[in-house]
N, C-alpha and C. Protein backbone atom coordinates (compact mmCIF):
# COMPACT_ATOMS: atom_id res chain seq x y z
N MET A 1 113.87 85.57 20.49
CA MET A 1 115.08 85.15 21.21
C MET A 1 115.38 86.19 22.28
N ALA A 2 115.61 85.74 23.47
CA ALA A 2 115.96 86.65 24.56
C ALA A 2 117.39 87.13 24.39
N THR A 3 117.68 88.22 25.05
CA THR A 3 119.04 88.75 24.99
C THR A 3 119.99 87.83 25.75
N VAL A 4 121.26 87.87 25.36
CA VAL A 4 122.28 87.10 26.05
C VAL A 4 123.29 88.07 26.64
N ASP A 5 123.92 87.68 27.72
CA ASP A 5 124.96 88.50 28.34
C ASP A 5 126.29 88.15 27.70
N LEU A 6 127.02 89.18 27.29
CA LEU A 6 128.34 88.97 26.69
C LEU A 6 129.43 89.31 27.69
N VAL A 7 130.50 88.53 27.64
CA VAL A 7 131.70 88.80 28.43
C VAL A 7 132.88 88.86 27.46
N LEU A 8 134.00 89.31 27.96
CA LEU A 8 135.18 89.49 27.12
C LEU A 8 135.52 88.24 26.32
N SER A 9 135.44 87.07 26.95
CA SER A 9 135.87 85.84 26.29
C SER A 9 134.99 85.43 25.11
N ASP A 10 133.74 85.88 25.06
CA ASP A 10 132.89 85.49 23.93
C ASP A 10 132.45 86.65 23.04
N PHE A 11 132.90 87.85 23.35
CA PHE A 11 132.48 89.03 22.59
C PHE A 11 132.86 88.93 21.11
N GLU A 12 134.14 88.72 20.84
CA GLU A 12 134.61 88.73 19.46
C GLU A 12 133.96 87.61 18.63
N ALA A 13 133.87 86.44 19.19
CA ALA A 13 133.26 85.32 18.46
C ALA A 13 131.79 85.62 18.16
N THR A 14 131.12 86.28 19.08
CA THR A 14 129.70 86.59 18.89
C THR A 14 129.51 87.63 17.79
N ILE A 15 130.28 88.72 17.84
CA ILE A 15 130.06 89.79 16.84
C ILE A 15 130.55 89.39 15.46
N ASN A 16 131.43 88.41 15.38
CA ASN A 16 131.96 87.98 14.08
C ASN A 16 131.13 86.88 13.43
N LYS A 17 130.09 86.41 14.10
CA LYS A 17 129.23 85.39 13.51
C LYS A 17 128.48 85.97 12.31
N GLU A 18 128.13 85.09 11.39
CA GLU A 18 127.32 85.51 10.26
C GLU A 18 125.97 85.98 10.77
N GLY A 19 125.48 87.03 10.16
CA GLY A 19 124.18 87.56 10.58
C GLY A 19 124.34 88.85 11.34
N ILE A 20 123.25 89.25 11.99
CA ILE A 20 123.17 90.55 12.66
C ILE A 20 123.25 90.37 14.18
N THR A 21 124.06 91.21 14.80
CA THR A 21 124.19 91.21 16.26
C THR A 21 124.05 92.63 16.78
N PHE A 22 123.09 92.84 17.65
CA PHE A 22 122.91 94.12 18.34
C PHE A 22 123.51 93.96 19.74
N VAL A 23 124.33 94.92 20.16
CA VAL A 23 124.96 94.85 21.48
C VAL A 23 124.64 96.14 22.25
N ASP A 24 124.04 95.98 23.41
CA ASP A 24 123.70 97.08 24.30
C ASP A 24 124.71 97.10 25.45
N PHE A 25 125.49 98.18 25.53
CA PHE A 25 126.41 98.39 26.65
C PHE A 25 125.65 99.21 27.69
N TRP A 26 125.58 98.71 28.92
CA TRP A 26 124.74 99.31 29.94
C TRP A 26 125.36 99.15 31.32
N ALA A 27 124.72 99.76 32.32
CA ALA A 27 125.10 99.58 33.73
C ALA A 27 123.84 99.69 34.58
N GLU A 28 123.84 99.00 35.70
CA GLU A 28 122.68 98.96 36.59
C GLU A 28 122.30 100.34 37.11
N TRP A 29 123.27 101.20 37.37
CA TRP A 29 123.00 102.50 37.97
C TRP A 29 122.54 103.55 36.95
N CYS A 30 122.54 103.21 35.68
CA CYS A 30 122.28 104.15 34.59
C CYS A 30 120.78 104.27 34.31
N GLY A 31 120.21 105.44 34.58
CA GLY A 31 118.78 105.67 34.35
C GLY A 31 118.36 105.45 32.90
N PRO A 32 119.03 106.08 31.92
CA PRO A 32 118.66 105.85 30.52
C PRO A 32 118.79 104.38 30.12
N CYS A 33 119.75 103.66 30.71
CA CYS A 33 119.91 102.23 30.42
C CYS A 33 118.68 101.46 30.87
N LYS A 34 118.15 101.83 32.04
CA LYS A 34 116.96 101.16 32.57
C LYS A 34 115.74 101.44 31.69
N MET A 35 115.69 102.62 31.07
CA MET A 35 114.59 102.94 30.17
C MET A 35 114.73 102.17 28.85
N PHE A 36 115.97 102.02 28.36
CA PHE A 36 116.21 101.36 27.08
C PHE A 36 116.14 99.84 27.19
N GLY A 37 116.47 99.29 28.34
CA GLY A 37 116.51 97.84 28.53
C GLY A 37 115.26 97.11 28.07
N PRO A 38 114.07 97.52 28.54
CA PRO A 38 112.85 96.83 28.10
C PRO A 38 112.57 96.98 26.60
N ILE A 39 112.94 98.10 26.03
CA ILE A 39 112.77 98.32 24.58
C ILE A 39 113.66 97.35 23.82
N PHE A 40 114.89 97.21 24.28
CA PHE A 40 115.86 96.30 23.66
C PHE A 40 115.37 94.85 23.78
N GLU A 41 114.87 94.50 24.96
CA GLU A 41 114.38 93.14 25.21
C GLU A 41 113.18 92.83 24.31
N GLU A 42 112.26 93.78 24.18
CA GLU A 42 111.09 93.57 23.34
C GLU A 42 111.50 93.40 21.88
N ALA A 43 112.48 94.19 21.42
CA ALA A 43 112.97 94.05 20.05
C ALA A 43 113.57 92.67 19.84
N SER A 44 114.25 92.14 20.86
CA SER A 44 114.84 90.81 20.73
C SER A 44 113.74 89.75 20.61
N ASN A 45 112.64 89.94 21.31
CA ASN A 45 111.53 89.00 21.23
C ASN A 45 110.83 89.07 19.88
N GLN A 46 110.79 90.25 19.28
CA GLN A 46 110.10 90.44 18.00
C GLN A 46 110.97 90.07 16.81
N ASN A 47 112.27 89.92 17.00
CA ASN A 47 113.21 89.66 15.90
C ASN A 47 114.12 88.48 16.24
N PRO A 48 113.58 87.27 16.28
CA PRO A 48 114.37 86.11 16.71
C PRO A 48 115.51 85.76 15.76
N GLU A 49 115.51 86.29 14.55
CA GLU A 49 116.58 86.02 13.59
C GLU A 49 117.83 86.86 13.85
N ILE A 50 117.73 87.81 14.78
CA ILE A 50 118.84 88.70 15.12
C ILE A 50 119.34 88.33 16.52
N ARG A 51 120.67 88.35 16.70
CA ARG A 51 121.25 88.15 18.04
C ARG A 51 121.20 89.49 18.79
N PHE A 52 120.68 89.47 19.98
CA PHE A 52 120.67 90.64 20.85
C PHE A 52 121.48 90.29 22.09
N ALA A 53 122.47 91.13 22.38
CA ALA A 53 123.35 90.85 23.51
C ALA A 53 123.53 92.11 24.35
N LYS A 54 123.84 91.88 25.62
CA LYS A 54 124.06 92.99 26.55
C LYS A 54 125.43 92.83 27.19
N VAL A 55 126.09 93.97 27.42
CA VAL A 55 127.36 93.98 28.13
C VAL A 55 127.20 94.90 29.34
N ASP A 56 127.32 94.32 30.52
CA ASP A 56 127.30 95.09 31.76
C ASP A 56 128.67 95.75 31.91
N THR A 57 128.70 97.06 31.70
CA THR A 57 129.99 97.77 31.68
C THR A 57 130.67 97.79 33.04
N GLU A 58 129.91 97.59 34.12
CA GLU A 58 130.53 97.52 35.45
C GLU A 58 131.24 96.19 35.63
N ALA A 59 130.60 95.11 35.24
CA ALA A 59 131.18 93.77 35.39
C ALA A 59 132.23 93.49 34.31
N GLN A 60 132.11 94.16 33.17
CA GLN A 60 133.00 93.91 32.03
C GLN A 60 133.75 95.19 31.65
N GLN A 61 134.46 95.76 32.62
CA GLN A 61 135.15 97.03 32.40
C GLN A 61 136.22 96.94 31.32
N GLU A 62 136.94 95.82 31.28
CA GLU A 62 137.98 95.65 30.26
C GLU A 62 137.36 95.62 28.87
N LEU A 63 136.26 94.90 28.71
CA LEU A 63 135.57 94.83 27.43
C LEU A 63 135.03 96.20 27.03
N ALA A 64 134.42 96.90 27.97
CA ALA A 64 133.90 98.24 27.69
C ALA A 64 135.04 99.17 27.25
N GLY A 65 136.18 99.07 27.90
CA GLY A 65 137.33 99.88 27.51
C GLY A 65 137.83 99.54 26.12
N MET A 66 137.92 98.25 25.82
CA MET A 66 138.38 97.81 24.50
C MET A 66 137.41 98.26 23.41
N ALA A 67 136.12 98.33 23.74
CA ALA A 67 135.11 98.75 22.77
C ALA A 67 135.02 100.27 22.67
N GLY A 68 135.77 100.98 23.50
CA GLY A 68 135.77 102.44 23.45
C GLY A 68 134.51 103.07 24.00
N ILE A 69 133.87 102.41 24.95
CA ILE A 69 132.63 102.92 25.51
C ILE A 69 132.95 104.06 26.47
N THR A 70 132.40 105.24 26.18
CA THR A 70 132.62 106.41 27.03
C THR A 70 131.31 106.94 27.60
N SER A 71 130.20 106.45 27.09
CA SER A 71 128.88 106.88 27.55
C SER A 71 127.93 105.70 27.41
N ILE A 72 126.98 105.59 28.34
CA ILE A 72 126.03 104.50 28.25
C ILE A 72 124.61 105.04 28.40
N PRO A 73 123.64 104.37 27.83
CA PRO A 73 123.79 103.17 27.03
C PRO A 73 124.44 103.48 25.68
N THR A 74 125.16 102.52 25.17
CA THR A 74 125.71 102.59 23.81
C THR A 74 125.23 101.36 23.07
N LEU A 75 124.74 101.58 21.86
CA LEU A 75 124.29 100.49 21.01
C LEU A 75 125.27 100.31 19.87
N MET A 76 125.75 99.10 19.71
CA MET A 76 126.59 98.74 18.56
C MET A 76 125.85 97.69 17.76
N ILE A 77 125.94 97.81 16.44
CA ILE A 77 125.31 96.83 15.57
C ILE A 77 126.38 96.29 14.62
N PHE A 78 126.47 94.96 14.57
CA PHE A 78 127.41 94.27 13.69
C PHE A 78 126.61 93.40 12.74
N ARG A 79 127.11 93.29 11.52
CA ARG A 79 126.54 92.32 10.58
C ARG A 79 127.69 91.65 9.88
N ASP A 80 127.72 90.34 9.97
CA ASP A 80 128.80 89.54 9.38
C ASP A 80 130.17 90.04 9.84
N GLY A 81 130.26 90.46 11.11
CA GLY A 81 131.53 90.90 11.68
C GLY A 81 131.90 92.34 11.38
N ILE A 82 131.05 93.07 10.68
CA ILE A 82 131.33 94.46 10.32
C ILE A 82 130.51 95.38 11.22
N LEU A 83 131.19 96.34 11.86
CA LEU A 83 130.50 97.31 12.70
C LEU A 83 129.76 98.29 11.79
N LEU A 84 128.44 98.34 11.92
CA LEU A 84 127.61 99.20 11.09
C LEU A 84 127.10 100.42 11.84
N PHE A 85 127.02 100.33 13.16
CA PHE A 85 126.39 101.39 13.96
C PHE A 85 127.01 101.40 15.33
N ASN A 86 127.29 102.60 15.84
CA ASN A 86 127.88 102.75 17.17
C ASN A 86 127.43 104.10 17.69
N GLN A 87 126.45 104.09 18.60
CA GLN A 87 125.91 105.36 19.07
C GLN A 87 125.50 105.25 20.53
N ALA A 88 125.85 106.28 21.29
CA ALA A 88 125.43 106.37 22.68
C ALA A 88 124.04 106.99 22.75
N GLY A 89 123.30 106.62 23.77
CA GLY A 89 121.98 107.19 24.00
C GLY A 89 120.89 106.16 23.85
N ALA A 90 119.86 106.31 24.66
CA ALA A 90 118.72 105.40 24.61
C ALA A 90 117.84 105.74 23.42
N LEU A 91 117.44 104.73 22.68
CA LEU A 91 116.57 104.94 21.53
C LEU A 91 115.13 104.59 21.92
N PRO A 92 114.16 105.36 21.41
CA PRO A 92 112.77 104.94 21.60
C PRO A 92 112.49 103.74 20.70
N ALA A 93 111.46 102.98 21.03
CA ALA A 93 111.14 101.77 20.27
C ALA A 93 110.98 102.01 18.77
N PRO A 94 110.28 103.06 18.33
CA PRO A 94 110.14 103.25 16.87
C PRO A 94 111.49 103.46 16.18
N ALA A 95 112.40 104.17 16.82
CA ALA A 95 113.73 104.40 16.22
C ALA A 95 114.52 103.10 16.15
N LEU A 96 114.45 102.29 17.20
CA LEU A 96 115.15 101.01 17.20
C LEU A 96 114.58 100.09 16.12
N ASN A 97 113.26 100.06 15.99
CA ASN A 97 112.64 99.23 14.97
C ASN A 97 113.02 99.69 13.56
N GLU A 98 113.10 100.99 13.36
CA GLU A 98 113.52 101.52 12.06
C GLU A 98 114.96 101.11 11.76
N LEU A 99 115.80 101.20 12.76
CA LEU A 99 117.20 100.80 12.62
C LEU A 99 117.32 99.32 12.28
N ILE A 100 116.55 98.50 12.92
CA ILE A 100 116.55 97.06 12.64
C ILE A 100 116.21 96.83 11.17
N GLY A 101 115.17 97.50 10.68
CA GLY A 101 114.78 97.35 9.28
C GLY A 101 115.87 97.78 8.32
N LYS A 102 116.53 98.90 8.63
CA LYS A 102 117.60 99.39 7.75
C LYS A 102 118.78 98.42 7.70
N VAL A 103 119.14 97.86 8.84
CA VAL A 103 120.26 96.92 8.89
C VAL A 103 119.90 95.65 8.12
N GLN A 104 118.67 95.20 8.24
CA GLN A 104 118.23 94.00 7.52
C GLN A 104 118.23 94.21 6.00
N GLU A 105 117.94 95.43 5.58
CA GLU A 105 117.85 95.73 4.15
C GLU A 105 119.21 95.94 3.48
N LEU A 106 120.24 96.17 4.27
CA LEU A 106 121.56 96.47 3.70
C LEU A 106 122.05 95.36 2.78
N ASN A 107 122.65 95.77 1.68
CA ASN A 107 123.34 94.83 0.79
C ASN A 107 124.79 94.78 1.27
N MET A 108 125.16 93.69 1.91
CA MET A 108 126.48 93.60 2.52
C MET A 108 127.59 93.55 1.47
N ASP A 109 127.31 93.11 0.26
CA ASP A 109 128.33 93.17 -0.79
C ASP A 109 128.68 94.62 -1.08
N ASP A 110 127.67 95.50 -1.10
CA ASP A 110 127.92 96.93 -1.30
C ASP A 110 128.72 97.51 -0.14
N VAL A 111 128.37 97.11 1.09
CA VAL A 111 129.09 97.59 2.27
C VAL A 111 130.56 97.17 2.21
N ARG A 112 130.81 95.90 1.89
CA ARG A 112 132.20 95.42 1.80
C ARG A 112 132.96 96.14 0.69
N ALA A 113 132.29 96.44 -0.43
CA ALA A 113 132.94 97.16 -1.52
C ALA A 113 133.30 98.58 -1.09
N GLU A 114 132.42 99.23 -0.33
CA GLU A 114 132.71 100.58 0.18
C GLU A 114 133.90 100.55 1.13
N ILE A 115 133.95 99.55 1.98
CA ILE A 115 135.06 99.43 2.93
C ILE A 115 136.37 99.21 2.17
N ALA A 116 136.36 98.33 1.19
CA ALA A 116 137.56 98.06 0.41
C ALA A 116 138.03 99.31 -0.32
N LYS A 117 137.09 100.08 -0.85
CA LYS A 117 137.43 101.31 -1.56
C LYS A 117 138.06 102.33 -0.60
N ALA A 118 137.47 102.47 0.57
CA ALA A 118 137.99 103.41 1.57
C ALA A 118 139.39 102.99 2.03
N GLU A 119 139.59 101.67 2.23
CA GLU A 119 140.90 101.19 2.67
C GLU A 119 141.95 101.39 1.60
N SER A 120 141.58 101.26 0.33
CA SER A 120 142.55 101.41 -0.75
C SER A 120 142.95 102.88 -0.95
N GLN A 121 142.10 103.79 -0.48
CA GLN A 121 142.39 105.22 -0.63
C GLN A 121 143.20 105.77 0.53
N SER A 122 143.34 104.99 1.59
CA SER A 122 144.08 105.51 2.76
C SER A 122 145.49 105.01 2.81
């Protein structure tokens, strides 16, 4: 599955869908973004069961601000609407592939239980 472009109006609905969503926040002028873009695209082609989306931070400044983006590229990973990963910096292909595997292996019942426990303690 090829990557899709996300805008403010469809961001929340996309990340809250069941399953895994990888979101790359990028800009045309960003050198590391240009290096990471093809890696991200190739991962999307190799993993059609995962949604891969891109947010152009120049065109979607309000969305980038709401997401707290302060450095690009930034990769966010959501599963079943839960933010699992949020990190700035371009990843090499092996690191991205390892991350994909780890997210796929997660037991989301355990993740939800950890979140509930943390919320009850605060």
